[in-house]
Amino acid sequence: MEMPVVNRCEATSCAYNRDRMCHATAITVGDASHAHCDTFFTAPAQGGDQTTVGRVGACKMSDCRHNVALECQAPGIDIGYSLDEADCLTYAPA
């Protein structure tokens, strides 16, 4: 299985974000009730690998139409702000 790519990330204050692109090797999305980017955090230093485009490693949103066995099956996702949280904007209830 190929991990879905993070197409864009508007969470520009995240340590893994450079030029609205995610550079974490893999992110985790959600918890039992909210489709936030669980990998998001702020730090004084930049993280990730600039040659890597972030991908979705795990998704805990079992009620998403793109989720199969807690793995994202969307071709790619977008991360952006919703109520001051970095959320998966591709999340869609089944």
Protein backbone atom coordinates (compact mmCIF):
# COMPACT_ATOMS: atom_id res chain seq x y z
CA MET A 1 0.00 0.00 0.00
CA GLU A 2 1.26 3.45 -0.85
CA MET A 3 0.71 6.12 1.78
CA PRO A 4 -1.36 9.10 0.61
CA VAL A 5 0.57 12.32 0.07
CA VAL A 6 -0.12 15.56 1.94
CA ASN A 7 -0.94 17.75 -1.08
CA ARG A 8 -0.72 20.99 0.86
CA CYS A 9 -0.56 22.15 4.44
CA GLU A 10 -1.79 25.57 5.51
CA ALA A 11 -0.53 25.06 9.10
CA THR A 12 2.47 27.29 8.45
CA SER A 13 3.46 27.48 12.12
CA CYS A 14 4.14 23.73 12.22
CA ALA A 15 7.78 22.71 12.56
CA TYR A 16 7.39 20.35 9.56
CA ASN A 17 5.91 23.03 7.26
CA ARG A 18 7.97 24.86 4.66
CA ASP A 19 6.23 26.86 1.93
CA ARG A 20 2.87 25.26 2.73
CA MET A 21 4.27 21.78 2.19
CA CYS A 22 4.61 19.07 4.83
CA HIS A 23 8.06 17.55 5.21
CA ALA A 24 7.34 14.99 7.94
CA THR A 25 8.01 11.48 6.65
CA ALA A 26 4.54 10.43 7.85
CA ILE A 27 1.77 12.14 9.79
CA THR A 28 -1.00 10.75 11.95
CA VAL A 29 -4.52 12.09 11.54
CA GLY A 30 -7.17 12.24 14.20
CA ASP A 31 -8.24 10.70 17.43
CA ALA A 32 -11.53 9.11 18.33
CA SER A 33 -13.51 12.30 17.74
CA HIS A 34 -11.61 14.89 15.68
CA ALA A 35 -9.72 14.82 12.34
CA HIS A 36 -6.78 16.98 13.41
CA CYS A 37 -3.18 16.55 12.31
CA ASP A 38 -1.79 14.76 15.35
CA THR A 39 1.77 15.39 14.11
CA PHE A 40 1.38 19.20 14.17
CA PHE A 41 3.55 21.05 16.67
CA THR A 42 5.50 24.28 16.87
CA ALA A 43 9.22 24.43 17.60
CA PRO A 44 12.01 26.94 17.14
CA ALA A 45 13.82 24.56 14.77
CA GLN A 46 12.49 23.22 11.47
CA GLY A 47 11.85 19.49 11.35
CA GLY A 48 11.54 16.88 8.67
CA ASP A 49 13.44 16.27 5.48
CA GLN A 50 13.17 19.03 2.85
CA THR A 51 13.42 16.45 0.07
CA THR A 52 10.47 14.48 1.47
CA VAL A 53 6.81 15.27 0.86
CA GLY A 54 4.70 14.31 3.86
CA ARG A 55 2.43 11.30 3.71
CA VAL A 56 -0.36 9.92 5.88
CA GLY A 57 1.03 7.10 7.99
CA ALA A 58 -2.06 6.45 10.10
CA CYS A 59 -5.59 7.75 10.39
CA LYS A 60 -7.63 7.19 13.53
CA MET A 61 -10.85 8.51 11.97
CA SER A 62 -12.60 5.19 11.39
CA ASP A 63 -15.81 6.98 10.35
CA CYS A 64 -14.13 8.71 7.35
CA ARG A 65 -15.15 7.49 3.90
CA HIS A 66 -11.45 7.30 2.96
CA ASN A 67 -10.52 5.11 5.95
CA VAL A 68 -10.08 1.35 5.63
CA ALA A 69 -8.75 -0.51 8.67
CA LEU A 70 -7.41 2.81 10.09
CA GLU A 71 -5.43 3.49 6.90
CA CYS A 72 -6.20 6.44 4.63
CA GLN A 73 -7.15 5.42 1.09
CA ALA A 74 -7.53 8.94 -0.34
CA PRO A 75 -5.08 9.71 -3.15
CA GLY A 76 -3.92 12.73 -1.16
CA ILE A 77 -5.07 15.03 1.64
CA ASP A 78 -5.04 18.71 2.49
CA ILE A 79 -4.30 20.07 5.96
CA GLY A 80 -5.67 23.45 7.01
CA TYR A 81 -7.03 25.36 9.93
CA SER A 82 -10.48 24.79 11.36
CA LEU A 83 -11.27 26.60 14.60
CA ASP A 84 -7.55 27.23 15.29
CA GLU A 85 -6.57 23.57 14.87
CA ALA A 86 -4.64 21.95 12.03
CA ASP A 87 -7.23 19.57 10.57
CA CYS A 88 -7.43 17.10 7.74
CA LEU A 89 -9.67 18.98 5.30
CA THR A 90 -10.15 15.83 3.21
CA TYR A 91 -11.96 14.09 6.09
CA ALA A 92 -15.51 13.20 5.06
CA PRO A 93 -17.90 11.15 7.21
CA ALA A 94 -18.91 7.85 5.61
